[in-house]
C-alpha atoms as a PDB file:
ATOM      1  CA  MET A   1     -16.502 -27.410  -6.239  1.00  0.00           C
ATOM      2  CA  PRO A   2     -19.811 -27.654  -7.529  1.00  0.00           C
ATOM      3  CA  ILE A   3     -22.284 -25.134  -6.625  1.00  0.00           C
ATOM      4  CA  LYS A   4     -24.608 -26.756  -4.162  1.00  0.00           C
ATOM      5  CA  LYS A   5     -28.483 -26.621  -5.512  1.00  0.00           C
ATOM      6  CA  THR A   6     -30.980 -25.158  -2.942  1.00  0.00           C
ATOM      7  CA  ASN A   7     -33.879 -23.033  -2.327  1.00  0.00           C
ATOM      8  CA  GLU A   8     -32.245 -21.496   0.785  1.00  0.00           C
ATOM      9  CA  LYS A   9     -31.637 -17.886   0.688  1.00  0.00           C
ATOM     10  CA  VAL A  10     -28.239 -16.935   1.758  1.00  0.00           C
ATOM     11  CA  ASP A  11     -28.185 -16.616   5.382  1.00  0.00           C
ATOM     12  CA  ILE A  12     -26.135 -12.841   6.335  1.00  0.00           C
ATOM     13  CA  ASN A  13     -24.531 -13.801   9.552  1.00  0.00           C
ATOM     14  CA  LYS A  14     -22.636 -16.955   7.723  1.00  0.00           C
ATOM     15  CA  ARG A  15     -20.754 -14.765   5.027  1.00  0.00           C
ATOM     16  CA  ARG A  16     -17.266 -13.898   7.373  1.00  0.00           C
ATOM     17  CA  ILE A  17     -13.800 -12.259   5.360  1.00  0.00           C
ATOM     18  CA  ILE A  18     -12.571 -16.395   5.552  1.00  0.00           C
ATOM     19  CA  ASN A  19     -13.982 -19.764   6.005  1.00  0.00           C
ATOM     20  CA  GLY A  20     -17.639 -18.237   5.154  1.00  0.00           C
ATOM     21  CA  GLU A  21     -20.308 -20.212   2.666  1.00  0.00           C
ATOM     22  CA  ASP A  22     -20.544 -19.799  -1.351  1.00  0.00           C
ATOM     23  CA  ALA A  23     -16.813 -18.253  -1.816  1.00  0.00           C
ATOM     24  CA  ASP A  24     -17.168 -19.749  -5.086  1.00  0.00           C
ATOM     25  CA  VAL A  25     -19.621 -17.050  -7.105  1.00  0.00           C
ATOM     26  CA  ILE A  26     -19.769 -13.639  -5.932  1.00  0.00           C
ATOM     27  CA  GLN A  27     -23.248 -13.095  -4.696  1.00  0.00           C
ATOM     28  CA  LEU A  28     -23.228  -9.881  -3.443  1.00  0.00           C
ATOM     29  CA  TYR A  29     -26.540  -9.707  -1.920  1.00  0.00           C
ATOM     30  CA  PRO A  30     -27.254  -9.636   1.258  1.00  0.00           C
ATOM     31  CA  MET A  31     -23.925  -7.657   1.563  1.00  0.00           C
ATOM     32  CA  LYS A  32     -22.423  -7.802   5.197  1.00  0.00           C
ATOM     33  CA  HIS A  33     -19.268  -6.176   4.708  1.00  0.00           C
ATOM     34  CA  LYS A  34     -20.030  -3.357   3.625  1.00  0.00           C
ATOM     35  CA  PHE A  35     -16.992  -1.276   3.940  1.00  0.00           C
ATOM     36  CA  ALA A  36     -15.924  -3.490   0.912  1.00  0.00           C
ATOM     37  CA  TRP A  37     -18.199  -1.753  -1.085  1.00  0.00           C
ATOM     38  CA  ASP A  38     -17.659   1.613  -0.076  1.00  0.00           C
ATOM     39  CA  ALA A  39     -13.800   1.220  -1.467  1.00  0.00           C
ATOM     40  CA  TYR A  40     -14.712  -0.517  -4.444  1.00  0.00           C
ATOM     41  CA  LEU A  41     -17.066   2.360  -5.081  1.00  0.00           C
ATOM     42  CA  ALA A  42     -14.027   4.941  -4.051  1.00  0.00           C
ATOM     43  CA  GLY A  43     -11.301   3.527  -6.128  1.00  0.00           C
ATOM     44  CA  ASN A  44     -13.360   3.672  -9.168  1.00  0.00           C
ATOM     45  CA  ALA A  45     -14.747   7.149  -9.033  1.00  0.00           C
ATOM     46  CA  ASN A  46     -11.253   7.961  -8.214  1.00  0.00           C
ATOM     47  CA  HIS A  47      -9.462   5.969 -11.541  1.00  0.00           C
ATOM     48  CA  TRP A  48      -6.267   7.507 -12.797  1.00  0.00           C
ATOM     49  CA  LEU A  49      -3.593   6.859 -14.929  1.00  0.00           C
ATOM     50  CA  PRO A  50      -0.245   7.831 -15.421  1.00  0.00           C
ATOM     51  CA  THR A  51       0.290   9.151 -18.804  1.00  0.00           C
ATOM     52  CA  GLU A  52      -2.724  11.482 -18.180  1.00  0.00           C
ATOM     53  CA  ILE A  53       0.216  13.424 -16.464  1.00  0.00           C
ATOM     54  CA  GLY A  54       2.645  16.089 -18.032  1.00  0.00           C
ATOM     55  CA  MET A  55       6.462  15.009 -17.256  1.00  0.00           C
ATOM     56  CA  GLN A  56       8.120  17.776 -19.710  1.00  0.00           C
ATOM     57  CA  LYS A  57       8.964  19.979 -16.600  1.00  0.00           C
ATOM     58  CA  ASP A  58      10.459  16.575 -14.544  1.00  0.00           C
ATOM     59  CA  ILE A  59      12.422  15.877 -17.807  1.00  0.00           C
ATOM     60  CA  GLU A  60      14.083  19.379 -18.061  1.00  0.00           C
ATOM     61  CA  GLN A  61      15.059  19.575 -14.562  1.00  0.00           C
ATOM     62  CA  TRP A  62      16.603  15.815 -14.896  1.00  0.00           C
ATOM     63  CA  LYS A  63      18.441  16.821 -17.924  1.00  0.00           C
ATOM     64  CA  SER A  64      19.507  20.192 -16.315  1.00  0.00           C
ATOM     65  CA  THR A  65      23.242  20.171 -14.421  1.00  0.00           C
ATOM     66  CA  SER A  66      21.919  22.612 -12.140  1.00  0.00           C
ATOM     67  CA  VAL A  67      18.710  21.822 -10.797  1.00  0.00           C
ATOM     68  CA  LEU A  68      18.779  18.637  -8.880  1.00  0.00           C
ATOM     69  CA  SER A  69      21.771  17.501  -6.427  1.00  0.00           C
ATOM     70  CA  GLU A  70      23.719  14.707  -6.627  1.00  0.00           C
ATOM     71  CA  ASP A  71      21.616  13.310  -3.227  1.00  0.00           C
ATOM     72  CA  GLU A  72      18.314  14.548  -4.658  1.00  0.00           C
ATOM     73  CA  ARG A  73      19.068  12.443  -7.962  1.00  0.00           C
ATOM     74  CA  LYS A  74      19.983   9.393  -5.889  1.00  0.00           C
ATOM     75  CA  ALA A  75      17.154   9.656  -4.231  1.00  0.00           C
ATOM     76  CA  LEU A  76      14.817  10.041  -6.935  1.00  0.00           C
ATOM     77  CA  LYS A  77      16.328   6.726  -8.311  1.00  0.00           C
ATOM     78  CA  THR A  78      16.424   4.711  -5.249  1.00  0.00           C
ATOM     79  CA  VAL A  79      12.915   5.381  -4.091  1.00  0.00           C
ATOM     80  CA  LEU A  80      11.630   3.868  -7.949  1.00  0.00           C
ATOM     81  CA  GLY A  81      13.745   1.242  -7.312  1.00  0.00           C
ATOM     82  CA  PHE A  82      11.969   0.032  -4.345  1.00  0.00           C
ATOM     83  CA  PHE A  83       8.560   1.493  -5.245  1.00  0.00           C
ATOM     84  CA  THR A  84       9.043  -0.894  -9.235  1.00  0.00           C
ATOM     85  CA  THR A  85       9.145  -4.380  -7.054  1.00  0.00           C
ATOM     86  CA  ALA A  86       7.004  -3.373  -3.845  1.00  0.00           C
ATOM     87  CA  ASP A  87       3.772  -2.823  -6.129  1.00  0.00           C
ATOM     88  CA  SER A  88       4.348  -6.052  -8.077  1.00  0.00           C
ATOM     89  CA  ILE A  89       4.925  -7.961  -4.600  1.00  0.00           C
ATOM     90  CA  ALA A  90       1.282  -6.310  -3.357  1.00  0.00           C
ATOM     91  CA  ALA A  91      -0.420  -7.554  -6.043  1.00  0.00           C
ATOM     92  CA  ASN A  92       1.164 -11.349  -6.059  1.00  0.00           C
ATOM     93  CA  ASN A  93      -0.319 -11.371  -2.622  1.00  0.00           C
ATOM     94  CA  VAL A  94      -4.100  -9.428  -3.557  1.00  0.00           C
ATOM     95  CA  ALA A  95      -4.645 -11.466  -6.633  1.00  0.00           C
ATOM     96  CA  LEU A  96      -2.696 -14.786  -6.058  1.00  0.00           C
ATOM     97  CA  ALA A  97      -3.377 -15.369  -2.185  1.00  0.00           C
ATOM     98  CA  PHE A  98      -5.829 -13.148  -0.439  1.00  0.00           C
ATOM     99  CA  TYR A  99      -8.493 -13.863  -3.390  1.00  0.00           C
ATOM    100  CA  LYS A 100      -8.232 -17.315  -3.241  1.00  0.00           C
ATOM    101  CA  HIS A 101      -9.184 -17.370   0.198  1.00  0.00           C
ATOM    102  CA  ILE A 102     -11.271 -14.444   1.161  1.00  0.00           C
ATOM    103  CA  SER A 103     -14.871 -16.056   1.055  1.00  0.00           C
ATOM    104  CA  SER A 104     -16.560 -12.609   1.498  1.00  0.00           C
ATOM    105  CA  PRO A 105     -18.049 -11.598  -2.004  1.00  0.00           C
ATOM    106  CA  GLU A 106     -18.101  -7.610  -1.290  1.00  0.00           C
ATOM    107  CA  CYS A 107     -14.249  -8.161  -0.235  1.00  0.00           C
ATOM    108  CA  ARG A 108     -13.288 -10.264  -3.532  1.00  0.00           C
ATOM    109  CA  MET A 109     -15.085  -7.034  -5.492  1.00  0.00           C
ATOM    110  CA  TYR A 110     -13.035  -4.917  -3.919  1.00  0.00           C
ATOM    111  CA  ILE A 111      -9.195  -7.017  -4.470  1.00  0.00           C
ATOM    112  CA  LEU A 112     -10.028  -6.783  -7.920  1.00  0.00           C
ATOM    113  CA  ARG A 113     -10.100  -3.474  -7.857  1.00  0.00           C
ATOM    114  CA  GLN A 114      -7.153  -3.218  -5.885  1.00  0.00           C
ATOM    115  CA  SER A 115      -5.039  -5.879  -8.077  1.00  0.00           C
ATOM    116  CA  TYR A 116      -5.830  -2.886 -10.807  1.00  0.00           C
ATOM    117  CA  GLU A 117      -4.795  -0.555  -9.444  1.00  0.00           C
ATOM    118  CA  GLU A 118      -1.293  -2.022  -8.597  1.00  0.00           C
ATOM    119  CA  ALA A 119      -0.538  -2.696 -11.990  1.00  0.00           C
ATOM    120  CA  ILE A 120      -1.455   0.762 -12.893  1.00  0.00           C
ATOM    121  CA  HIS A 121       0.960   1.700  -9.798  1.00  0.00           C
ATOM    122  CA  THR A 122       3.614  -0.323 -11.497  1.00  0.00           C
ATOM    123  CA  HIS A 123       3.201   0.895 -14.691  1.00  0.00           C
ATOM    124  CA  ALA A 124       3.473   4.550 -12.939  1.00  0.00           C
ATOM    125  CA  TYR A 125       6.869   3.954 -12.453  1.00  0.00           C
ATOM    126  CA  GLN A 126       8.090   2.836 -15.824  1.00  0.00           C
ATOM    127  CA  TYR A 127       6.536   5.294 -16.833  1.00  0.00           C
ATOM    128  CA  ILE A 128       8.474   7.864 -14.847  1.00  0.00           C
ATOM    129  CA  VAL A 129      11.795   6.142 -15.372  1.00  0.00           C
ATOM    130  CA  GLU A 130      11.199   5.906 -19.605  1.00  0.00           C
ATOM    131  CA  SER A 131      10.109   9.817 -19.167  1.00  0.00           C
ATOM    132  CA  LEU A 132      13.588  10.431 -17.741  1.00  0.00           C
ATOM    133  CA  ALA A 133      15.482   7.979 -20.158  1.00  0.00           C
ATOM    134  CA  LEU A 134      16.553   6.354 -16.862  1.00  0.00           C
ATOM    135  CA  ASP A 135      18.642   2.743 -16.552  1.00  0.00           C
ATOM    136  CA  GLU A 136      15.808   0.627 -16.784  1.00  0.00           C
ATOM    137  CA  GLY A 137      18.225  -2.242 -15.427  1.00  0.00           C
ATOM    138  CA  GLU A 138      19.880   0.090 -12.983  1.00  0.00           C
ATOM    139  CA  ILE A 139      16.495   0.835 -11.464  1.00  0.00           C
ATOM    140  CA  PHE A 140      14.183  -2.343 -11.676  1.00  0.00           C
ATOM    141  CA  ASN A 141      17.472  -4.782 -10.412  1.00  0.00           C
ATOM    142  CA  MET A 142      17.702  -2.663  -7.574  1.00  0.00           C
ATOM    143  CA  TYR A 143      15.328  -4.965  -5.212  1.00  0.00           C
ATOM    144  CA  ARG A 144      18.506  -7.107  -5.799  1.00  0.00           C
ATOM    145  CA  GLU A 145      21.334  -4.942  -5.738  1.00  0.00           C
ATOM    146  CA  VAL A 146      20.768  -2.230  -2.798  1.00  0.00           C
ATOM    147  CA  GLU A 147      20.615  -4.130   0.654  1.00  0.00           C
ATOM    148  CA  ALA A 148      18.071  -2.064   2.204  1.00  0.00           C
ATOM    149  CA  ILE A 149      15.354  -2.647  -0.851  1.00  0.00           C
ATOM    150  CA  TYR A 150      16.357  -5.937  -0.954  1.00  0.00           C
ATOM    151  CA  ASN A 151      15.827  -7.021   3.032  1.00  0.00           C
ATOM    152  CA  LYS A 152      12.476  -5.128   2.940  1.00  0.00           C
ATOM    153  CA  ASP A 153      11.549  -7.139   0.011  1.00  0.00           C
ATOM    154  CA  ASN A 154      12.468 -10.406   1.486  1.00  0.00           C
ATOM    155  CA  PHE A 155      10.878  -9.866   4.821  1.00  0.00           C
ATOM    156  CA  ILE A 156       7.789  -9.592   2.961  1.00  0.00           C
ATOM    157  CA  LEU A 157       8.471 -12.597   0.996  1.00  0.00           C
ATOM    158  CA  SER A 158       9.383 -14.400   3.581  1.00  0.00           C
ATOM    159  CA  PHE A 159       5.563 -14.874   4.854  1.00  0.00           C
ATOM    160  CA  ASN A 160       3.986 -15.977   1.877  1.00  0.00           C
ATOM    161  CA  GLU A 161       5.174 -19.575   1.491  1.00  0.00           C
ATOM    162  CA  GLY A 162       2.205 -20.912   3.950  1.00  0.00           C
ATOM    163  CA  ILE A 163      -0.649 -18.953   1.735  1.00  0.00           C
ATOM    164  CA  PHE A 164       1.142 -19.260  -1.475  1.00  0.00           C
ATOM    165  CA  ASN A 165       1.222 -23.329  -1.037  1.00  0.00           C
ATOM    166  CA  PRO A 166      -1.092 -24.531  -2.978  1.00  0.00           C
ATOM    167  CA  ASN A 167      -2.441 -26.935  -0.436  1.00  0.00           C
ATOM    168  CA  PHE A 168      -2.863 -24.077   2.248  1.00  0.00           C
ATOM    169  CA  LYS A 169      -6.659 -24.463   3.082  1.00  0.00           C
ATOM    170  CA  THR A 170      -8.257 -21.945   6.328  1.00  0.00           C
ATOM    171  CA  GLY A 171     -10.329 -23.492   8.266  1.00  0.00           C
ATOM    172  CA  THR A 172      -8.054 -24.518  11.527  1.00  0.00           C
ATOM    173  CA  LEU A 173      -6.584 -22.508  13.831  1.00  0.00           C
ATOM    174  CA  GLU A 174      -3.071 -22.149  12.955  1.00  0.00           C
ATOM    175  CA  ASN A 175      -3.865 -21.724   9.047  1.00  0.00           C
ATOM    176  CA  ASP A 176      -6.243 -18.927  10.147  1.00  0.00           C
ATOM    177  CA  GLN A 177      -4.083 -17.537  11.993  1.00  0.00           C
ATOM    178  CA  LYS A 178      -1.273 -17.809   9.086  1.00  0.00           C
ATOM    179  CA  PHE A 179      -3.767 -16.214   7.202  1.00  0.00           C
ATOM    180  CA  LEU A 180      -4.100 -13.324   9.486  1.00  0.00           C
ATOM    181  CA  GLU A 181      -0.423 -13.129  10.375  1.00  0.00           C
ATOM    182  CA  ASN A 182      -0.167 -12.990   6.520  1.00  0.00           C
ATOM    183  CA  MET A 183      -2.698  -9.917   5.835  1.00  0.00           C
ATOM    184  CA  ILE A 184      -1.125  -7.943   8.716  1.00  0.00           C
ATOM    185  CA  VAL A 185       2.073  -8.197   7.539  1.00  0.00           C
ATOM    186  CA  PHE A 186       1.294  -7.259   4.033  1.00  0.00           C
ATOM    187  CA  SER A 187      -1.188  -4.480   5.012  1.00  0.00           C
ATOM    188  CA  ILE A 188       0.319  -2.683   8.248  1.00  0.00           C
ATOM    189  CA  ILE A 189       3.484  -3.540   7.259  1.00  0.00           C
ATOM    190  CA  LEU A 190       4.217  -3.303   3.465  1.00  0.00           C
ATOM    191  CA  GLU A 191       1.363  -0.794   2.931  1.00  0.00           C
ATOM    192  CA  GLY A 192       1.197   0.810   6.009  1.00  0.00           C
ATOM    193  CA  ILE A 193       5.164   1.164   7.068  1.00  0.00           C
ATOM    194  CA  PHE A 194       7.513   0.251   3.831  1.00  0.00           C
ATOM    195  CA  PHE A 195       6.416   2.606   1.595  1.00  0.00           C
ATOM    196  CA  TYR A 196       6.243   5.735   4.053  1.00  0.00           C
ATOM    197  CA  SER A 197       9.499   7.047   3.844  1.00  0.00           C
ATOM    198  CA  SER A 198       9.594   7.054  -0.181  1.00  0.00           C
ATOM    199  CA  PHE A 199       6.243   8.856  -0.402  1.00  0.00           C
ATOM    200  CA  ALA A 200       7.894  11.531   2.351  1.00  0.00           C
ATOM    201  CA  VAL A 201      10.757  11.913   0.093  1.00  0.00           C
ATOM    202  CA  MET A 202       8.795  11.595  -3.052  1.00  0.00           C
ATOM    203  CA  PHE A 203       6.263  15.151  -1.406  1.00  0.00           C
ATOM    204  CA  GLY A 204       9.493  16.324  -0.187  1.00  0.00           C
ATOM    205  CA  PHE A 205      11.177  17.272  -4.030  1.00  0.00           C
ATOM    206  CA  GLN A 206       7.330  18.669  -4.831  1.00  0.00           C
ATOM    207  CA  ARG A 207       7.562  20.908  -1.718  1.00  0.00           C
ATOM    208  CA  GLN A 208      10.752  22.558  -3.806  1.00  0.00           C
ATOM    209  CA  ASN A 209       8.282  22.971  -6.802  1.00  0.00           C
ATOM    210  CA  LYS A 210      11.184  19.760  -8.260  1.00  0.00           C
ATOM    211  CA  MET A 211       9.949  16.972 -10.351  1.00  0.00           C
ATOM    212  CA  VAL A 212       6.069  18.121  -9.735  1.00  0.00           C
ATOM    213  CA  GLY A 213       4.955  15.297 -12.405  1.00  0.00           C
ATOM    214  CA  SER A 214       6.642  12.506 -10.881  1.00  0.00           C
ATOM    215  CA  ALA A 215       5.539  13.524  -7.423  1.00  0.00           C
ATOM    216  CA  GLU A 216       1.797  14.119  -8.413  1.00  0.00           C
ATOM    217  CA  GLN A 217       1.739  10.201  -9.541  1.00  0.00           C
ATOM    218  CA  ILE A 218       3.345   9.576  -6.424  1.00  0.00           C
ATOM    219  CA  GLN A 219       0.478  11.231  -4.750  1.00  0.00           C
ATOM    220  CA  TYR A 220      -2.058   9.278  -6.831  1.00  0.00           C
ATOM    221  CA  ILE A 221      -0.675   6.537  -5.589  1.00  0.00           C
ATOM    222  CA  MET A 222      -0.360   7.153  -1.967  1.00  0.00           C
ATOM    223  CA  ARG A 223      -4.147   8.023  -2.129  1.00  0.00           C
ATOM    224  CA  ASP A 224      -4.367   4.399  -3.752  1.00  0.00           C
ATOM    225  CA  GLU A 225      -2.125   2.827  -0.525  1.00  0.00           C
ATOM    226  CA  SER A 226      -4.428   4.612   2.070  1.00  0.00           C
ATOM    227  CA  GLN A 227      -7.847   3.222   0.474  1.00  0.00           C
ATOM    228  CA  HIS A 228      -5.685  -0.596   0.788  1.00  0.00           C
ATOM    229  CA  LEU A 229      -4.281   0.461   3.916  1.00  0.00           C
ATOM    230  CA  ASN A 230      -7.999   1.168   5.066  1.00  0.00           C
ATOM    231  CA  PHE A 231      -9.304  -1.644   3.821  1.00  0.00           C
ATOM    232  CA  GLY A 232      -6.602  -4.145   4.821  1.00  0.00           C
ATOM    233  CA  ILE A 233      -7.602  -2.680   8.774  1.00  0.00           C
ATOM    234  CA  ASN A 234     -11.367  -3.180   8.255  1.00  0.00           C
ATOM    235  CA  MET A 235     -10.309  -6.902   7.212  1.00  0.00           C
ATOM    236  CA  ILE A 236      -8.234  -7.012   9.797  1.00  0.00           C
ATOM    237  CA  ASN A 237     -10.470  -6.074  12.448  1.00  0.00           C
ATOM    238  CA  THR A 238     -13.755  -7.793  10.855  1.00  0.00           C
ATOM    239  CA  ILE A 239     -12.046 -11.171  11.124  1.00  0.00           C
ATOM    240  CA  LYS A 240     -10.877 -10.693  15.054  1.00  0.00           C
ATOM    241  CA  GLU A 241     -14.424 -10.182  15.526  1.00  0.00           C
ATOM    242  CA  GLU A 242     -15.787 -12.967  13.975  1.00  0.00           C
ATOM    243  CA  GLN A 243     -13.269 -15.265  15.013  1.00  0.00           C
ATOM    244  CA  PRO A 244     -11.771 -13.700  18.684  1.00  0.00           C
ATOM    245  CA  GLU A 245     -10.118 -17.054  19.114  1.00  0.00           C
ATOM    246  CA  LEU A 246      -7.340 -16.040  16.614  1.00  0.00           C
ATOM    247  CA  TRP A 247      -6.482 -13.056  18.893  1.00  0.00           C
ATOM    248  CA  THR A 248      -4.940 -14.844  21.777  1.00  0.00           C
ATOM    249  CA  LYS A 249      -2.522 -12.799  23.968  1.00  0.00           C
ATOM    250  CA  GLU A 250       0.988 -14.762  22.131  1.00  0.00           C
ATOM    251  CA  PHE A 251      -0.388 -13.820  18.581  1.00  0.00           C
ATOM    252  CA  GLN A 252      -0.587 -10.079  19.683  1.00  0.00           C
ATOM    253  CA  GLU A 253       2.924 -10.035  21.120  1.00  0.00           C
ATOM    254  CA  LYS A 254       4.299 -11.680  17.710  1.00  0.00           C
ATOM    255  CA  MET A 255       2.007  -9.303  15.318  1.00  0.00           C
ATOM    256  CA  ILE A 256       3.567  -5.967  17.866  1.00  0.00           C
ATOM    257  CA  LYS A 257       7.321  -7.995  17.012  1.00  0.00           C
ATOM    258  CA  LEU A 258       7.019  -7.826  13.605  1.00  0.00           C
ATOM    259  CA  ILE A 259       5.549  -4.521  13.619  1.00  0.00           C
ATOM    260  CA  LYS A 260       8.572  -3.511  15.259  1.00  0.00           C
ATOM    261  CA  ARG A 261      11.169  -5.607  13.147  1.00  0.00           C
ATOM    262  CA  GLY A 262       8.976  -3.648   9.788  1.00  0.00           C
ATOM    263  CA  ALA A 263       9.332  -0.693  11.409  1.00  0.00           C
ATOM    264  CA  GLU A 264      13.215  -1.034  11.812  1.00  0.00           C
ATOM    265  CA  LEU A 265      13.949  -2.246   8.367  1.00  0.00           C
ATOM    266  CA  GLU A 266      11.784   1.248   7.000  1.00  0.00           C
ATOM    267  CA  ILE A 267      14.138   3.426   9.196  1.00  0.00           C
ATOM    268  CA  THR A 268      17.280   1.640   8.356  1.00  0.00           C
ATOM    269  CA  PHE A 269      16.184   1.977   4.959  1.00  0.00           C
ATOM    270  CA  ALA A 270      15.885   5.959   5.084  1.00  0.00           C
ATOM    271  CA  GLN A 271      19.251   5.807   6.834  1.00  0.00           C
ATOM    272  CA  GLU A 272      21.317   4.268   4.577  1.00  0.00           C
ATOM    273  CA  VAL A 273      19.349   5.915   1.188  1.00  0.00           C
ATOM    274  CA  PHE A 274      19.243   9.269   2.667  1.00  0.00           C
ATOM    275  CA  PRO A 275      22.309   9.240   5.172  1.00  0.00           C
ATOM    276  CA  LYS A 276      22.983  13.235   4.471  1.00  0.00           C
ATOM    277  CA  GLY A 277      18.853  14.005   4.103  1.00  0.00           C
ATOM    278  CA  ILE A 278      17.719  16.220   1.275  1.00  0.00           C
ATOM    279  CA  PHE A 279      15.308  18.932   1.833  1.00  0.00           C
ATOM    280  CA  GLY A 280      15.721  18.971   6.010  1.00  0.00           C
ATOM    281  CA  MET A 281      14.675  15.758   6.114  1.00  0.00           C
ATOM    282  CA  ASN A 282      17.705  13.903   7.821  1.00  0.00           C
ATOM    283  CA  SER A 283      17.498  10.064   9.293  1.00  0.00           C
ATOM    284  CA  GLU A 284      16.935  11.299  12.723  1.00  0.00           C
ATOM    285  CA  ASN A 285      13.349  12.844  11.096  1.00  0.00           C
ATOM    286  CA  PHE A 286      13.217   9.522   9.095  1.00  0.00           C
ATOM    287  CA  ARG A 287      13.068   7.643  12.291  1.00  0.00           C
ATOM    288  CA  GLN A 288      10.841   9.672  14.356  1.00  0.00           C
ATOM    289  CA  TYR A 289       8.886   9.921  11.244  1.00  0.00           C
ATOM    290  CA  ILE A 290       8.453   5.907  11.119  1.00  0.00           C
ATOM    291  CA  GLU A 291       8.053   5.371  14.642  1.00  0.00           C
ATOM    292  CA  HIS A 292       4.875   7.954  14.692  1.00  0.00           C
ATOM    293  CA  ILE A 293       3.660   5.701  11.688  1.00  0.00           C
ATOM    294  CA  ALA A 294       3.875   2.229  13.439  1.00  0.00           C
ATOM    295  CA  ASP A 295       2.327   3.522  16.163  1.00  0.00           C
ATOM    296  CA  ARG A 296      -0.685   4.330  13.890  1.00  0.00           C
ATOM    297  CA  ARG A 297      -0.797   1.022  12.557  1.00  0.00           C
ATOM    298  CA  LEU A 298      -0.801  -0.739  16.083  1.00  0.00           C
ATOM    299  CA  GLN A 299      -3.452   1.574  17.060  1.00  0.00           C
ATOM    300  CA  ARG A 300      -5.455   0.979  14.123  1.00  0.00           C
ATOM    301  CA  ILE A 301      -5.553  -2.485  14.834  1.00  0.00           C
ATOM    302  CA  GLY A 302      -6.209  -2.568  18.570  1.00  0.00           C
ATOM    303  CA  LEU A 303      -2.526  -3.127  19.927  1.00  0.00           C
ATOM    304  CA  PRO A 304      -0.402  -0.822  21.652  1.00  0.00           C
ATOM    305  CA  GLU A 305       1.616   2.112  20.781  1.00  0.00           C
ATOM    306  CA  GLN A 306       5.341   1.221  20.958  1.00  0.00           C
ATOM    307  CA  TYR A 307       7.223   4.608  20.458  1.00  0.00           C
ATOM    308  CA  ASN A 308       4.770   7.378  21.169  1.00  0.00           C
ATOM    309  CA  THR A 309       7.286   9.940  19.067  1.00  0.00           C
ATOM    310  CA  PRO A 310       5.679  13.106  17.621  1.00  0.00           C
ATOM    311  CA  ASN A 311       5.283  13.682  14.021  1.00  0.00           C
ATOM    312  CA  PRO A 312       8.612  15.275  11.971  1.00  0.00           C
ATOM    313  CA  PHE A 313       6.675  15.571   9.262  1.00  0.00           C
ATOM    314  CA  PRO A 314       3.282  16.973   9.648  1.00  0.00           C
ATOM    315  CA  TRP A 315       2.674  17.934   6.364  1.00  0.00           C
ATOM    316  CA  MET A 316       2.598  14.808   4.939  1.00  0.00           C
ATOM    317  CA  SER A 317      -0.802  14.632   6.096  1.00  0.00           C
ATOM    318  CA  GLU A 318      -1.528  17.176   4.004  1.00  0.00           C
ATOM    319  CA  ALA A 319      -0.246  15.556   1.143  1.00  0.00           C
ATOM    320  CA  ILE A 320      -2.429  12.317   1.358  1.00  0.00           C
ATOM    321  CA  ASP A 321      -5.183  15.030   1.737  1.00  0.00           C
ATOM    322  CA  LEU A 322      -6.332  15.141  -2.285  1.00  0.00           C
ATOM    323  CA  SER A 323      -8.859  17.914  -2.106  1.00  0.00           C
ATOM    324  CA  LYS A 324      -6.911  20.695  -3.364  1.00  0.00           C
ATOM    325  CA  GLU A 325      -8.072  23.005  -6.312  1.00  0.00           C
ATOM    326  CA  LYS A 326      -5.333  22.926  -9.177  1.00  0.00           C
ATOM    327  CA  ASN A 327      -5.255  25.137 -12.406  1.00  0.00           C
ATOM    328  CA  PHE A 328      -7.165  23.010 -14.405  1.00  0.00           C
ATOM    329  CA  PHE A 329      -4.908  24.031 -17.820  1.00  0.00           C
ATOM    330  CA  GLU A 330      -2.282  22.735 -16.296  1.00  0.00           C
ATOM    331  CA  THR A 331      -3.380  19.550 -14.726  1.00  0.00           C
ATOM    332  CA  ARG A 332      -6.207  17.942 -13.939  1.00  0.00           C
ATOM    333  CA  VAL A 333      -8.056  18.184 -10.849  1.00  0.00           C
ATOM    334  CA  THR A 334      -6.390  15.867  -8.509  1.00  0.00           C
ATOM    335  CA  GLU A 335      -9.938  15.513  -6.760  1.00  0.00           C
ATOM    336  CA  TYR A 336     -11.009  13.807  -9.931  1.00  0.00           C
ATOM    337  CA  LYS A 337     -13.936  11.764 -10.085  1.00  0.00           C
ATOM    338  CA  VAL A 338     -15.621  10.282 -13.343  1.00  0.00           C
ATOM    339  CA  GLY A 339     -18.444  11.586 -14.098  1.00  0.00           C
ATOM    340  CA  GLY A 340     -21.268   9.370 -12.518  1.00  0.00           C
ATOM    341  CA  ALA A 341     -19.635  10.003  -9.114  1.00  0.00           C
ATOM    342  CA  LEU A 342     -19.792  13.767  -9.269  1.00  0.00           C
ATOM    343  CA  ASP A 343     -22.330  15.469  -6.762  1.00  0.00           C
ATOM    344  CA  TRP A 344     -23.562  18.176  -8.994  1.00  0.00           C
END
């Protein structure tokens, strides 16, 4: 669409997450959705690459016949099997669908940053698989062969048909609700629930001083995903404010059902993949943890909690907090900032 020539300045009140004006160019100011700009700056400040993290100890432990049990080996491979496809699904959502329909310039700026981070995550999984000399065909094809992974991926992809359609446009109640539904499925379920059993397993390894290089990369990924989740929640809540007509009682009830279904799929994944449990975590612990996580996600977008289940893994909250001192000569400081973002 050609740019409209006018002497009129941008009216900040006409800027919206979707259905706003001047979506064809990124004109940052005046800025309305400052949370997106803050997220963009934080993402740039926390830049990392997987190849900066040493994998020698992981390689030695994986080759050893005495360090890891067969259940632990299976758990690590299955977690990688899920992760390898999950971030590519995320990248497709933000780069091919959300970016096209979002009209907020600052939100578009962060989406570009988020897309790059999803690529870094996929790079990290490949780096782990290659370092450990795992069967790449086995790991990268698990989304087709392991039913619990297939069901999670297929659930997410089933919601993409609408907004990925080249003829799809926002601007009607039906289509705007469809877009908001996809955003909730993507942000709350995929990024907010489906990653978290696997995160818990990886930090279980870390707590046992096993596969620490792999776990450190997952810790960086979890930091990024927490930022993605918060950004998604902010966009969802802002759309609710800007277009309250979308947030009907029927729509809310539908979202609760979808989030509960997402929790069920994640619980099944954890129970099927780790039936005996590892590191003191068993199927009941995982069920409680996912229910606790689902309640937190519901609460953040203004929906009622459904489970009221306490957190059985309180140490997971610590795992998200990367403000920890590390021996600089063993690995770089986890609370890494690029030079321009350091507070001297």
